[in-house]
PDB file of all heavy atoms in Angstrom:
ATOM      1  N   MET A   1     -37.633  13.616   1.568  1.00  0.00           N
ATOM      2  CA  MET A   1     -38.195  14.518   0.563  1.00  0.00           C
ATOM      3  C   MET A   1     -39.653  14.175   0.260  1.00  0.00           C
ATOM      4  O   MET A   1     -40.483  15.072   0.062  1.00  0.00           O
ATOM      5  CB  MET A   1     -37.366  14.449  -0.725  1.00  0.00           C
ATOM      6  CG  MET A   1     -35.958  14.999  -0.587  1.00  0.00           C
ATOM      7  SD  MET A   1     -34.953  14.717  -2.088  1.00  0.00           S
ATOM      8  CE  MET A   1     -35.829  15.754  -3.260  1.00  0.00           C
ATOM      9  N   PHE A   2     -39.961  12.884   0.240  1.00  0.00           N
ATOM     10  CA  PHE A   2     -41.327  12.452  -0.045  1.00  0.00           C
ATOM     11  C   PHE A   2     -42.286  12.916   1.050  1.00  0.00           C
ATOM     12  O   PHE A   2     -43.376  13.436   0.765  1.00  0.00           O
ATOM     13  CB  PHE A   2     -41.372  10.931  -0.171  1.00  0.00           C
ATOM     14  CG  PHE A   2     -42.741  10.380  -0.444  1.00  0.00           C
ATOM     15  CD1 PHE A   2     -43.281  10.432  -1.715  1.00  0.00           C
ATOM     16  CD2 PHE A   2     -43.493   9.814   0.576  1.00  0.00           C
ATOM     17  CE1 PHE A   2     -44.548   9.928  -1.970  1.00  0.00           C
ATOM     18  CE2 PHE A   2     -44.759   9.311   0.336  1.00  0.00           C
ATOM     19  CZ  PHE A   2     -45.290   9.364  -0.948  1.00  0.00           C
ATOM     20  N   ILE A   3     -41.884  12.739   2.299  1.00  0.00           N
ATOM     21  CA  ILE A   3     -42.725  13.165   3.416  1.00  0.00           C
ATOM     22  C   ILE A   3     -42.910  14.682   3.404  1.00  0.00           C
ATOM     23  O   ILE A   3     -44.016  15.197   3.607  1.00  0.00           O
ATOM     24  CB  ILE A   3     -42.108  12.710   4.756  1.00  0.00           C
ATOM     25  CG1 ILE A   3     -42.104  11.173   4.840  1.00  0.00           C
ATOM     26  CG2 ILE A   3     -42.874  13.301   5.933  1.00  0.00           C
ATOM     27  CD1 ILE A   3     -41.403  10.625   6.054  1.00  0.00           C
ATOM     28  N   ALA A   4     -41.816  15.404   3.155  1.00  0.00           N
ATOM     29  CA  ALA A   4     -41.901  16.866   3.103  1.00  0.00           C
ATOM     30  C   ALA A   4     -42.821  17.315   1.965  1.00  0.00           C
ATOM     31  O   ALA A   4     -43.605  18.262   2.112  1.00  0.00           O
ATOM     32  CB  ALA A   4     -40.502  17.455   2.917  1.00  0.00           C
ATOM     33  N   ASN A   5     -42.757  16.610   0.839  1.00  0.00           N
ATOM     34  CA  ASN A   5     -43.577  16.986  -0.315  1.00  0.00           C
ATOM     35  C   ASN A   5     -45.059  16.741  -0.076  1.00  0.00           C
ATOM     36  O   ASN A   5     -45.911  17.453  -0.619  1.00  0.00           O
ATOM     37  CB  ASN A   5     -43.113  16.199  -1.545  1.00  0.00           C
ATOM     38  CG  ASN A   5     -43.803  16.654  -2.812  1.00  0.00           C
ATOM     39  OD1 ASN A   5     -43.778  17.826  -3.171  1.00  0.00           O
ATOM     40  ND2 ASN A   5     -44.441  15.727  -3.505  1.00  0.00           N
ATOM     41  N   LEU A   6     -45.383  15.735   0.752  1.00  0.00           N
ATOM     42  CA  LEU A   6     -46.782  15.463   1.070  1.00  0.00           C
ATOM     43  C   LEU A   6     -47.445  16.647   1.754  1.00  0.00           C
ATOM     44  O   LEU A   6     -48.631  16.928   1.551  1.00  0.00           O
ATOM     45  CB  LEU A   6     -46.889  14.225   1.961  1.00  0.00           C
ATOM     46  CG  LEU A   6     -46.669  12.856   1.301  1.00  0.00           C
ATOM     47  CD1 LEU A   6     -46.750  11.754   2.347  1.00  0.00           C
ATOM     48  CD2 LEU A   6     -47.710  12.620   0.201  1.00  0.00           C
ATOM     49  N   PHE A   7     -46.681  17.359   2.576  1.00  0.00           N
ATOM     50  CA  PHE A   7     -47.243  18.465   3.347  1.00  0.00           C
ATOM     51  C   PHE A   7     -47.000  19.833   2.711  1.00  0.00           C
ATOM     52  O   PHE A   7     -47.832  20.738   2.838  1.00  0.00           O
ATOM     53  CB  PHE A   7     -46.660  18.453   4.761  1.00  0.00           C
ATOM     54  CG  PHE A   7     -46.996  17.222   5.549  1.00  0.00           C
ATOM     55  CD1 PHE A   7     -46.092  16.175   5.665  1.00  0.00           C
ATOM     56  CD2 PHE A   7     -48.237  17.081   6.149  1.00  0.00           C
ATOM     57  CE1 PHE A   7     -46.395  15.033   6.382  1.00  0.00           C
ATOM     58  CE2 PHE A   7     -48.553  15.941   6.874  1.00  0.00           C
ATOM     59  CZ  PHE A   7     -47.636  14.904   6.991  1.00  0.00           C
ATOM     60  N   MET A   8     -45.875  19.988   2.009  1.00  0.00           N
ATOM     61  CA  MET A   8     -45.495  21.310   1.519  1.00  0.00           C
ATOM     62  C   MET A   8     -45.923  21.567   0.077  1.00  0.00           C
ATOM     63  O   MET A   8     -46.248  22.684  -0.291  1.00  0.00           O
ATOM     64  CB  MET A   8     -43.979  21.491   1.658  1.00  0.00           C
ATOM     65  CG  MET A   8     -43.482  21.330   3.079  1.00  0.00           C
ATOM     66  SD  MET A   8     -41.682  21.413   3.240  1.00  0.00           S
ATOM     67  CE  MET A   8     -41.390  23.131   2.807  1.00  0.00           C
ATOM     68  N   GLN A   9     -45.883  20.531  -0.762  1.00  0.00           N
ATOM     69  CA  GLN A   9     -46.309  20.646  -2.164  1.00  0.00           C
ATOM     70  C   GLN A   9     -45.594  21.798  -2.886  1.00  0.00           C
ATOM     71  O   GLN A   9     -46.216  22.627  -3.540  1.00  0.00           O
ATOM     72  CB  GLN A   9     -47.826  20.845  -2.241  1.00  0.00           C
ATOM     73  CG  GLN A   9     -48.639  19.674  -1.736  1.00  0.00           C
ATOM     74  CD  GLN A   9     -48.485  18.441  -2.629  1.00  0.00           C
ATOM     75  OE1 GLN A   9     -48.501  18.554  -3.845  1.00  0.00           O
ATOM     76  NE2 GLN A   9     -48.346  17.285  -2.018  1.00  0.00           N
ATOM     77  N   ILE A  10     -44.280  21.837  -2.755  1.00  0.00           N
ATOM     78  CA  ILE A  10     -43.470  22.847  -3.431  1.00  0.00           C
ATOM     79  C   ILE A  10     -43.034  22.298  -4.785  1.00  0.00           C
ATOM     80  O   ILE A  10     -42.434  21.216  -4.844  1.00  0.00           O
ATOM     81  CB  ILE A  10     -42.238  23.220  -2.585  1.00  0.00           C
ATOM     82  CG1 ILE A  10     -42.676  23.750  -1.211  1.00  0.00           C
ATOM     83  CG2 ILE A  10     -41.384  24.256  -3.307  1.00  0.00           C
ATOM     84  CD1 ILE A  10     -41.522  24.033  -0.285  1.00  0.00           C
ATOM     85  N   PRO A  11     -43.304  23.008  -5.889  1.00  0.00           N
ATOM     86  CA  PRO A  11     -42.932  22.501  -7.223  1.00  0.00           C
ATOM     87  C   PRO A  11     -41.457  22.150  -7.350  1.00  0.00           C
ATOM     88  O   PRO A  11     -41.108  21.121  -7.943  1.00  0.00           O
ATOM     89  CB  PRO A  11     -43.312  23.666  -8.152  1.00  0.00           C
ATOM     90  CG  PRO A  11     -44.416  24.366  -7.432  1.00  0.00           C
ATOM     91  CD  PRO A  11     -44.068  24.263  -5.984  1.00  0.00           C
ATOM     92  N   ALA A  12     -40.583  23.005  -6.827  1.00  0.00           N
ATOM     93  CA  ALA A  12     -39.142  22.734  -6.932  1.00  0.00           C
ATOM     94  C   ALA A  12     -38.780  21.451  -6.192  1.00  0.00           C
ATOM     95  O   ALA A  12     -37.916  20.688  -6.638  1.00  0.00           O
ATOM     96  CB  ALA A  12     -38.348  23.912  -6.364  1.00  0.00           C
ATOM     97  N   LEU A  13     -39.446  21.198  -5.062  1.00  0.00           N
ATOM     98  CA  LEU A  13     -39.188  19.981  -4.294  1.00  0.00           C
ATOM     99  C   LEU A  13     -39.674  18.751  -5.049  1.00  0.00           C
ATOM    100  O   LEU A  13     -39.031  17.696  -5.022  1.00  0.00           O
ATOM    101  CB  LEU A  13     -39.867  20.072  -2.925  1.00  0.00           C
ATOM    102  CG  LEU A  13     -39.658  18.889  -1.966  1.00  0.00           C
ATOM    103  CD1 LEU A  13     -38.173  18.665  -1.691  1.00  0.00           C
ATOM    104  CD2 LEU A  13     -40.417  19.130  -0.657  1.00  0.00           C
ATOM    105  N   GLN A  14     -40.784  18.890  -5.746  1.00  0.00           N
ATOM    106  CA  GLN A  14     -41.301  17.783  -6.540  1.00  0.00           C
ATOM    107  C   GLN A  14     -40.343  17.427  -7.676  1.00  0.00           C
ATOM    108  O   GLN A  14     -40.117  16.249  -7.969  1.00  0.00           O
ATOM    109  CB  GLN A  14     -42.673  18.163  -7.110  1.00  0.00           C
ATOM    110  CG  GLN A  14     -43.756  18.347  -6.049  1.00  0.00           C
ATOM    111  CD  GLN A  14     -45.074  18.791  -6.634  1.00  0.00           C
ATOM    112  OE1 GLN A  14     -45.210  18.947  -7.845  1.00  0.00           O
ATOM    113  NE2 GLN A  14     -46.060  19.030  -5.789  1.00  0.00           N
ATOM    114  N   LEU A  15     -39.760  18.435  -8.299  1.00  0.00           N
ATOM    115  CA  LEU A  15     -38.787  18.187  -9.364  1.00  0.00           C
ATOM    116  C   LEU A  15     -37.529  17.539  -8.807  1.00  0.00           C
ATOM    117  O   LEU A  15     -36.964  16.620  -9.426  1.00  0.00           O
ATOM    118  CB  LEU A  15     -38.436  19.500 -10.060  1.00  0.00           C
ATOM    119  CG  LEU A  15     -39.551  20.169 -10.863  1.00  0.00           C
ATOM    120  CD1 LEU A  15     -39.051  21.464 -11.482  1.00  0.00           C
ATOM    121  CD2 LEU A  15     -40.074  19.231 -11.944  1.00  0.00           C
ATOM    122  N   ALA A  16     -37.084  18.018  -7.647  1.00  0.00           N
ATOM    123  CA  ALA A  16     -35.900  17.431  -7.020  1.00  0.00           C
ATOM    124  C   ALA A  16     -36.156  15.974  -6.648  1.00  0.00           C
ATOM    125  O   ALA A  16     -35.274  15.116  -6.782  1.00  0.00           O
ATOM    126  CB  ALA A  16     -35.507  18.233  -5.784  1.00  0.00           C
ATOM    127  N   LEU A  17     -37.368  15.687  -6.192  1.00  0.00           N
ATOM    128  CA  LEU A  17     -37.733  14.314  -5.826  1.00  0.00           C
ATOM    129  C   LEU A  17     -37.734  13.416  -7.065  1.00  0.00           C
ATOM    130  O   LEU A  17     -37.273  12.270  -7.005  1.00  0.00           O
ATOM    131  CB  LEU A  17     -39.115  14.312  -5.166  1.00  0.00           C
ATOM    132  CG  LEU A  17     -39.617  12.962  -4.635  1.00  0.00           C
ATOM    133  CD1 LEU A  17     -38.662  12.395  -3.592  1.00  0.00           C
ATOM    134  CD2 LEU A  17     -41.015  13.119  -4.034  1.00  0.00           C
ATOM    135  N   SER A  18     -38.231  13.931  -8.179  1.00  0.00           N
ATOM    136  CA  SER A  18     -38.225  13.158  -9.426  1.00  0.00           C
ATOM    137  C   SER A  18     -36.794  12.857  -9.868  1.00  0.00           C
ATOM    138  O   SER A  18     -36.481  11.740 -10.288  1.00  0.00           O
ATOM    139  CB  SER A  18     -38.964  13.920 -10.526  1.00  0.00           C
ATOM    140  OG  SER A  18     -40.337  14.067 -10.215  1.00  0.00           O
ATOM    141  N   GLY A  19     -35.921  13.868  -9.755  1.00  0.00           N
ATOM    142  CA  GLY A  19     -34.524  13.659 -10.107  1.00  0.00           C
ATOM    143  C   GLY A  19     -33.848  12.644  -9.210  1.00  0.00           C
ATOM    144  O   GLY A  19     -33.068  11.798  -9.672  1.00  0.00           O
ATOM    145  N   ALA A  20     -34.166  12.707  -7.917  1.00  0.00           N
ATOM    146  CA  ALA A  20     -33.589  11.758  -6.963  1.00  0.00           C
ATOM    147  C   ALA A  20     -34.063  10.334  -7.254  1.00  0.00           C
ATOM    148  O   ALA A  20     -33.282   9.375  -7.175  1.00  0.00           O
ATOM    149  CB  ALA A  20     -33.969  12.159  -5.533  1.00  0.00           C
ATOM    150  N   PHE A  21     -35.333  10.185  -7.611  1.00  0.00           N
ATOM    151  CA  PHE A  21     -35.873   8.873  -7.954  1.00  0.00           C
ATOM    152  C   PHE A  21     -35.179   8.300  -9.186  1.00  0.00           C
ATOM    153  O   PHE A  21     -34.889   7.097  -9.254  1.00  0.00           O
ATOM    154  CB  PHE A  21     -37.375   8.965  -8.213  1.00  0.00           C
ATOM    155  CG  PHE A  21     -38.216   8.554  -7.033  1.00  0.00           C
ATOM    156  CD1 PHE A  21     -39.065   9.464  -6.413  1.00  0.00           C
ATOM    157  CD2 PHE A  21     -38.167   7.261  -6.533  1.00  0.00           C
ATOM    158  CE1 PHE A  21     -39.842   9.105  -5.330  1.00  0.00           C
ATOM    159  CE2 PHE A  21     -38.939   6.879  -5.448  1.00  0.00           C
ATOM    160  CZ  PHE A  21     -39.784   7.807  -4.847  1.00  0.00           C
ATOM    161  N   MET A  22     -34.902   9.160 -10.166  1.00  0.00           N
ATOM    162  CA  MET A  22     -34.240   8.689 -11.376  1.00  0.00           C
ATOM    163  C   MET A  22     -32.826   8.198 -11.085  1.00  0.00           C
ATOM    164  O   MET A  22     -32.406   7.146 -11.577  1.00  0.00           O
ATOM    165  CB  MET A  22     -34.201   9.811 -12.418  1.00  0.00           C
ATOM    166  CG  MET A  22     -35.540  10.100 -13.065  1.00  0.00           C
ATOM    167  SD  MET A  22     -35.415  11.210 -14.493  1.00  0.00           S
ATOM    168  CE  MET A  22     -34.486  10.184 -15.629  1.00  0.00           C
ATOM    169  N   LEU A  23     -32.077   8.954 -10.280  1.00  0.00           N
ATOM    170  CA  LEU A  23     -30.722   8.541  -9.929  1.00  0.00           C
ATOM    171  C   LEU A  23     -30.737   7.253  -9.112  1.00  0.00           C
ATOM    172  O   LEU A  23     -29.940   6.335  -9.354  1.00  0.00           O
ATOM    173  CB  LEU A  23     -30.030   9.657  -9.135  1.00  0.00           C
ATOM    174  CG  LEU A  23     -29.676  10.919  -9.916  1.00  0.00           C
ATOM    175  CD1 LEU A  23     -29.109  11.983  -8.979  1.00  0.00           C
ATOM    176  CD2 LEU A  23     -28.672  10.610 -11.023  1.00  0.00           C
ATOM    177  N   PHE A  24     -31.638   7.174  -8.148  1.00  0.00           N
ATOM    178  CA  PHE A  24     -31.736   5.994  -7.296  1.00  0.00           C
ATOM    179  C   PHE A  24     -32.104   4.759  -8.113  1.00  0.00           C
ATOM    180  O   PHE A  24     -31.506   3.692  -7.964  1.00  0.00           O
ATOM    181  CB  PHE A  24     -32.783   6.241  -6.208  1.00  0.00           C
ATOM    182  CG  PHE A  24     -32.938   5.103  -5.231  1.00  0.00           C
ATOM    183  CD1 PHE A  24     -32.120   5.012  -4.119  1.00  0.00           C
ATOM    184  CD2 PHE A  24     -33.920   4.136  -5.423  1.00  0.00           C
ATOM    185  CE1 PHE A  24     -32.259   3.967  -3.212  1.00  0.00           C
ATOM    186  CE2 PHE A  24     -34.063   3.090  -4.535  1.00  0.00           C
ATOM    187  CZ  PHE A  24     -33.233   3.006  -3.425  1.00  0.00           C
ATOM    188  N   SER A  25     -33.082   4.908  -8.996  1.00  0.00           N
ATOM    189  CA  SER A  25     -33.541   3.776  -9.811  1.00  0.00           C
ATOM    190  C   SER A  25     -32.484   3.350 -10.819  1.00  0.00           C
ATOM    191  O   SER A  25     -32.332   2.162 -11.102  1.00  0.00           O
ATOM    192  CB  SER A  25     -34.844   4.147 -10.530  1.00  0.00           C
ATOM    193  OG  SER A  25     -35.870   4.458  -9.602  1.00  0.00           O
ATOM    194  N   SER A  26     -31.742   4.307 -11.368  1.00  0.00           N
ATOM    195  CA  SER A  26     -30.662   3.978 -12.296  1.00  0.00           C
ATOM    196  C   SER A  26     -29.572   3.177 -11.595  1.00  0.00           C
ATOM    197  O   SER A  26     -29.051   2.190 -12.142  1.00  0.00           O
ATOM    198  CB  SER A  26     -30.064   5.261 -12.887  1.00  0.00           C
ATOM    199  OG  SER A  26     -31.029   5.958 -13.663  1.00  0.00           O
ATOM    200  N   ALA A  27     -29.240   3.586 -10.375  1.00  0.00           N
ATOM    201  CA  ALA A  27     -28.253   2.847  -9.593  1.00  0.00           C
ATOM    202  C   ALA A  27     -28.758   1.445  -9.274  1.00  0.00           C
ATOM    203  O   ALA A  27     -27.990   0.473  -9.273  1.00  0.00           O
ATOM    204  CB  ALA A  27     -27.926   3.604  -8.303  1.00  0.00           C
ATOM    205  N   ALA A  28     -30.060   1.320  -9.015  1.00  0.00           N
ATOM    206  CA  ALA A  28     -30.652   0.011  -8.714  1.00  0.00           C
ATOM    207  C   ALA A  28     -30.544  -0.926  -9.912  1.00  0.00           C
ATOM    208  O   ALA A  28     -30.291  -2.129  -9.750  1.00  0.00           O
ATOM    209  CB  ALA A  28     -32.110   0.180  -8.299  1.00  0.00           C
ATOM    210  N   ILE A  29     -30.733  -0.398 -11.122  1.00  0.00           N
ATOM    211  CA  ILE A  29     -30.612  -1.214 -12.329  1.00  0.00           C
ATOM    212  C   ILE A  29     -29.188  -1.728 -12.482  1.00  0.00           C
ATOM    213  O   ILE A  29     -28.945  -2.906 -12.793  1.00  0.00           O
ATOM    214  CB  ILE A  29     -31.038  -0.414 -13.575  1.00  0.00           C
ATOM    215  CG1 ILE A  29     -32.545  -0.151 -13.531  1.00  0.00           C
ATOM    216  CG2 ILE A  29     -30.671  -1.167 -14.856  1.00  0.00           C
ATOM    217  CD1 ILE A  29     -33.037   0.774 -14.631  1.00  0.00           C
ATOM    218  N   LEU A  30     -28.215  -0.846 -12.274  1.00  0.00           N
ATOM    219  CA  LEU A  30     -26.811  -1.250 -12.368  1.00  0.00           C
ATOM    220  C   LEU A  30     -26.476  -2.306 -11.320  1.00  0.00           C
ATOM    221  O   LEU A  30     -25.832  -3.322 -11.624  1.00  0.00           O
ATOM    222  CB  LEU A  30     -25.901  -0.036 -12.183  1.00  0.00           C
ATOM    223  CG  LEU A  30     -25.821   0.959 -13.346  1.00  0.00           C
ATOM    224  CD1 LEU A  30     -24.980   2.161 -12.946  1.00  0.00           C
ATOM    225  CD2 LEU A  30     -25.234   0.295 -14.584  1.00  0.00           C
ATOM    226  N   MET A  31     -26.907  -2.077 -10.086  1.00  0.00           N
ATOM    227  CA  MET A  31     -26.603  -3.017  -9.005  1.00  0.00           C
ATOM    228  C   MET A  31     -27.241  -4.374  -9.246  1.00  0.00           C
ATOM    229  O   MET A  31     -26.604  -5.416  -9.065  1.00  0.00           O
ATOM    230  CB  MET A  31     -27.072  -2.453  -7.657  1.00  0.00           C
ATOM    231  CG  MET A  31     -26.119  -1.469  -7.012  1.00  0.00           C
ATOM    232  SD  MET A  31     -26.574  -1.119  -5.299  1.00  0.00           S
ATOM    233  CE  MET A  31     -26.385  -2.742  -4.549  1.00  0.00           C
ATOM    234  N   GLN A  32     -28.513  -4.366  -9.658  1.00  0.00           N
ATOM    235  CA  GLN A  32     -29.216  -5.637  -9.847  1.00  0.00           C
ATOM    236  C   GLN A  32     -28.643  -6.432 -11.009  1.00  0.00           C
ATOM    237  O   GLN A  32     -28.413  -7.636 -10.899  1.00  0.00           O
ATOM    238  CB  GLN A  32     -30.697  -5.374 -10.090  1.00  0.00           C
ATOM    239  CG  GLN A  32     -31.548  -6.639 -10.196  1.00  0.00           C
ATOM    240  CD  GLN A  32     -31.498  -7.454  -8.928  1.00  0.00           C
ATOM    241  OE1 GLN A  32     -32.205  -7.178  -7.970  1.00  0.00           O
ATOM    242  NE2 GLN A  32     -30.667  -8.490  -8.891  1.00  0.00           N
ATOM    243  N   THR A  33     -28.370  -5.763 -12.125  1.00  0.00           N
ATOM    244  CA  THR A  33     -27.794  -6.447 -13.278  1.00  0.00           C
ATOM    245  C   THR A  33     -26.395  -6.961 -12.959  1.00  0.00           C
ATOM    246  O   THR A  33     -26.025  -8.088 -13.312  1.00  0.00           O
ATOM    247  CB  THR A  33     -27.748  -5.514 -14.497  1.00  0.00           C
ATOM    248  OG1 THR A  33     -29.047  -4.953 -14.730  1.00  0.00           O
ATOM    249  CG2 THR A  33     -27.311  -6.278 -15.744  1.00  0.00           C
ATOM    250  N   GLY A  34     -25.613  -6.125 -12.276  1.00  0.00           N
ATOM    251  CA  GLY A  34     -24.275  -6.550 -11.876  1.00  0.00           C
ATOM    252  C   GLY A  34     -24.312  -7.731 -10.923  1.00  0.00           C
ATOM    253  O   GLY A  34     -23.458  -8.622 -10.982  1.00  0.00           O
ATOM    254  N   ALA A  35     -25.307  -7.748 -10.031  1.00  0.00           N
ATOM    255  CA  ALA A  35     -25.434  -8.853  -9.078  1.00  0.00           C
ATOM    256  C   ALA A  35     -25.739 -10.162  -9.792  1.00  0.00           C
ATOM    257  O   ALA A  35     -25.236 -11.225  -9.417  1.00  0.00           O
ATOM    258  CB  ALA A  35     -26.533  -8.538  -8.063  1.00  0.00           C
ATOM    259  N   ILE A  36     -26.555 -10.108 -10.837  1.00  0.00           N
ATOM    260  CA  ILE A  36     -26.859 -11.320 -11.597  1.00  0.00           C
ATOM    261  C   ILE A  36     -25.604 -11.837 -12.299  1.00  0.00           C
ATOM    262  O   ILE A  36     -25.273 -13.024 -12.245  1.00  0.00           O
ATOM    263  CB  ILE A  36     -27.962 -11.040 -12.636  1.00  0.00           C
ATOM    264  CG1 ILE A  36     -29.282 -10.680 -11.948  1.00  0.00           C
ATOM    265  CG2 ILE A  36     -28.171 -12.262 -13.531  1.00  0.00           C
ATOM    266  CD1 ILE A  36     -30.376 -10.247 -12.907  1.00  0.00           C
ATOM    267  N   ILE A  37     -24.900 -10.930 -12.965  1.00  0.00           N
ATOM    268  CA  ILE A  37     -23.720 -11.317 -13.736  1.00  0.00           C
ATOM    269  C   ILE A  37     -22.623 -11.902 -12.858  1.00  0.00           C
ATOM    270  O   ILE A  37     -21.945 -12.858 -13.234  1.00  0.00           O
ATOM    271  CB  ILE A  37     -23.178 -10.099 -14.515  1.00  0.00           C
ATOM    272  CG1 ILE A  37     -24.212  -9.640 -15.548  1.00  0.00           C
ATOM    273  CG2 ILE A  37     -21.847 -10.433 -15.199  1.00  0.00           C
ATOM    274  CD1 ILE A  37     -23.845  -8.343 -16.215  1.00  0.00           C
ATOM    275  N   ASN A  38     -22.464 -11.325 -11.671  1.00  0.00           N
ATOM    276  CA  ASN A  38     -21.365 -11.750 -10.786  1.00  0.00           C
ATOM    277  C   ASN A  38     -21.788 -12.782  -9.742  1.00  0.00           C
ATOM    278  O   ASN A  38     -21.050 -13.049  -8.803  1.00  0.00           O
ATOM    279  CB  ASN A  38     -20.764 -10.522 -10.090  1.00  0.00           C
ATOM    280  CG  ASN A  38     -20.054  -9.606 -11.063  1.00  0.00           C
ATOM    281  OD1 ASN A  38     -18.947  -9.879 -11.503  1.00  0.00           O
ATOM    282  ND2 ASN A  38     -20.694  -8.489 -11.414  1.00  0.00           N
ATOM    283  N   GLY A  39     -22.972 -13.356  -9.929  1.00  0.00           N
ATOM    284  CA  GLY A  39     -23.394 -14.453  -9.063  1.00  0.00           C
ATOM    285  C   GLY A  39     -24.009 -14.065  -7.747  1.00  0.00           C
ATOM    286  O   GLY A  39     -24.273 -14.920  -6.904  1.00  0.00           O
ATOM    287  N   GLY A  40     -24.262 -12.776  -7.551  1.00  0.00           N
ATOM    288  CA  GLY A  40     -24.848 -12.347  -6.285  1.00  0.00           C
ATOM    289  C   GLY A  40     -26.354 -12.477  -6.239  1.00  0.00           C
ATOM    290  O   GLY A  40     -26.960 -12.355  -5.172  1.00  0.00           O
ATOM    291  N   GLU A  41     -26.993 -12.712  -7.373  1.00  0.00           N
ATOM    292  CA  GLU A  41     -28.445 -12.864  -7.436  1.00  0.00           C
ATOM    293  C   GLU A  41     -28.785 -14.077  -8.285  1.00  0.00           C
ATOM    294  O   GLU A  41     -28.407 -14.157  -9.451  1.00  0.00           O
ATOM    295  CB  GLU A  41     -29.079 -11.610  -8.041  1.00  0.00           C
ATOM    296  CG  GLU A  41     -30.596 -11.677  -8.154  1.00  0.00           C
ATOM    297  CD  GLU A  41     -31.274 -11.753  -6.799  1.00  0.00           C
ATOM    298  OE1 GLU A  41     -31.472 -10.702  -6.171  1.00  0.00           O
ATOM    299  OE2 GLU A  41     -31.577 -12.900  -6.357  1.00  0.00           O
ATOM    300  N   ARG A  42     -29.472 -15.026  -7.681  1.00  0.00           N
ATOM    301  CA  ARG A  42     -29.867 -16.234  -8.392  1.00  0.00           C
ATOM    302  C   ARG A  42     -31.384 -16.421  -8.419  1.00  0.00           C
ATOM    303  O   ARG A  42     -31.880 -17.411  -8.925  1.00  0.00           O
ATOM    304  CB  ARG A  42     -29.209 -17.467  -7.741  1.00  0.00           C
ATOM    305  CG  ARG A  42     -27.714 -17.586  -8.062  1.00  0.00           C
ATOM    306  CD  ARG A  42     -27.520 -17.884  -9.524  1.00  0.00           C
ATOM    307  NE  ARG A  42     -26.107 -18.002  -9.908  1.00  0.00           N
ATOM    308  CZ  ARG A  42     -25.406 -17.034 -10.460  1.00  0.00           C
ATOM    309  NH1 ARG A  42     -25.979 -15.849 -10.672  1.00  0.00           N
ATOM    310  NH2 ARG A  42     -24.148 -17.209 -10.798  1.00  0.00           N
ATOM    311  N   ASN A  43     -32.107 -15.453  -7.860  1.00  0.00           N
ATOM    312  CA  ASN A  43     -33.567 -15.529  -7.856  1.00  0.00           C
ATOM    313  C   ASN A  43     -34.108 -14.542  -8.885  1.00  0.00           C
ATOM    314  O   ASN A  43     -34.065 -13.332  -8.678  1.00  0.00           O
ATOM    315  CB  ASN A  43     -34.108 -15.212  -6.458  1.00  0.00           C
ATOM    316  CG  ASN A  43     -35.592 -15.525  -6.322  1.00  0.00           C
ATOM    317  OD1 ASN A  43     -36.401 -15.029  -7.089  1.00  0.00           O
ATOM    318  ND2 ASN A  43     -35.938 -16.349  -5.348  1.00  0.00           N
ATOM    319  N   TYR A  44     -34.607 -15.066  -9.997  1.00  0.00           N
ATOM    320  CA  TYR A  44     -35.040 -14.187 -11.077  1.00  0.00           C
ATOM    321  C   TYR A  44     -36.325 -13.436 -10.732  1.00  0.00           C
ATOM    322  O   TYR A  44     -36.613 -12.380 -11.311  1.00  0.00           O
ATOM    323  CB  TYR A  44     -35.206 -14.976 -12.372  1.00  0.00           C
ATOM    324  CG  TYR A  44     -36.347 -15.968 -12.394  1.00  0.00           C
ATOM    325  CD1 TYR A  44     -37.595 -15.612 -12.873  1.00  0.00           C
ATOM    326  CD2 TYR A  44     -36.164 -17.286 -11.942  1.00  0.00           C
ATOM    327  CE1 TYR A  44     -38.637 -16.517 -12.910  1.00  0.00           C
ATOM    328  CE2 TYR A  44     -37.201 -18.195 -11.975  1.00  0.00           C
ATOM    329  CZ  TYR A  44     -38.435 -17.814 -12.457  1.00  0.00           C
ATOM    330  OH  TYR A  44     -39.470 -18.715 -12.480  1.00  0.00           O
ATOM    331  N   ILE A  45     -37.102 -13.937  -9.777  1.00  0.00           N
ATOM    332  CA  ILE A  45     -38.321 -13.235  -9.367  1.00  0.00           C
ATOM    333  C   ILE A  45     -37.958 -11.935  -8.652  1.00  0.00           C
ATOM    334  O   ILE A  45     -38.508 -10.860  -8.947  1.00  0.00           O
ATOM    335  CB  ILE A  45     -39.184 -14.135  -8.462  1.00  0.00           C
ATOM    336  CG1 ILE A  45     -39.765 -15.300  -9.276  1.00  0.00           C
ATOM    337  CG2 ILE A  45     -40.315 -13.328  -7.815  1.00  0.00           C
ATOM    338  CD1 ILE A  45     -40.597 -16.266  -8.473  1.00  0.00           C
ATOM    339  N   LEU A  46     -37.017 -12.016  -7.708  1.00  0.00           N
ATOM    340  CA  LEU A  46     -36.585 -10.819  -6.993  1.00  0.00           C
ATOM    341  C   LEU A  46     -35.883  -9.844  -7.937  1.00  0.00           C
ATOM    342  O   LEU A  46     -36.057  -8.624  -7.821  1.00  0.00           O
ATOM    343  CB  LEU A  46     -35.651 -11.205  -5.844  1.00  0.00           C
ATOM    344  CG  LEU A  46     -36.264 -12.054  -4.732  1.00  0.00           C
ATOM    345  CD1 LEU A  46     -35.228 -12.350  -3.654  1.00  0.00           C
ATOM    346  CD2 LEU A  46     -37.467 -11.330  -4.116  1.00  0.00           C
TER     347      LEU A  46
END
């Protein structure tokens, strides 16, 4: 979607990309926090 948006610049695509980023980033927060709690992440910098 990002590559397509660079060339096409469609407003609806930009909104869809923003929504996709929000879902992806929200999942990343859950995964990272869960990894710390359950011992899967011990490097606080990463």
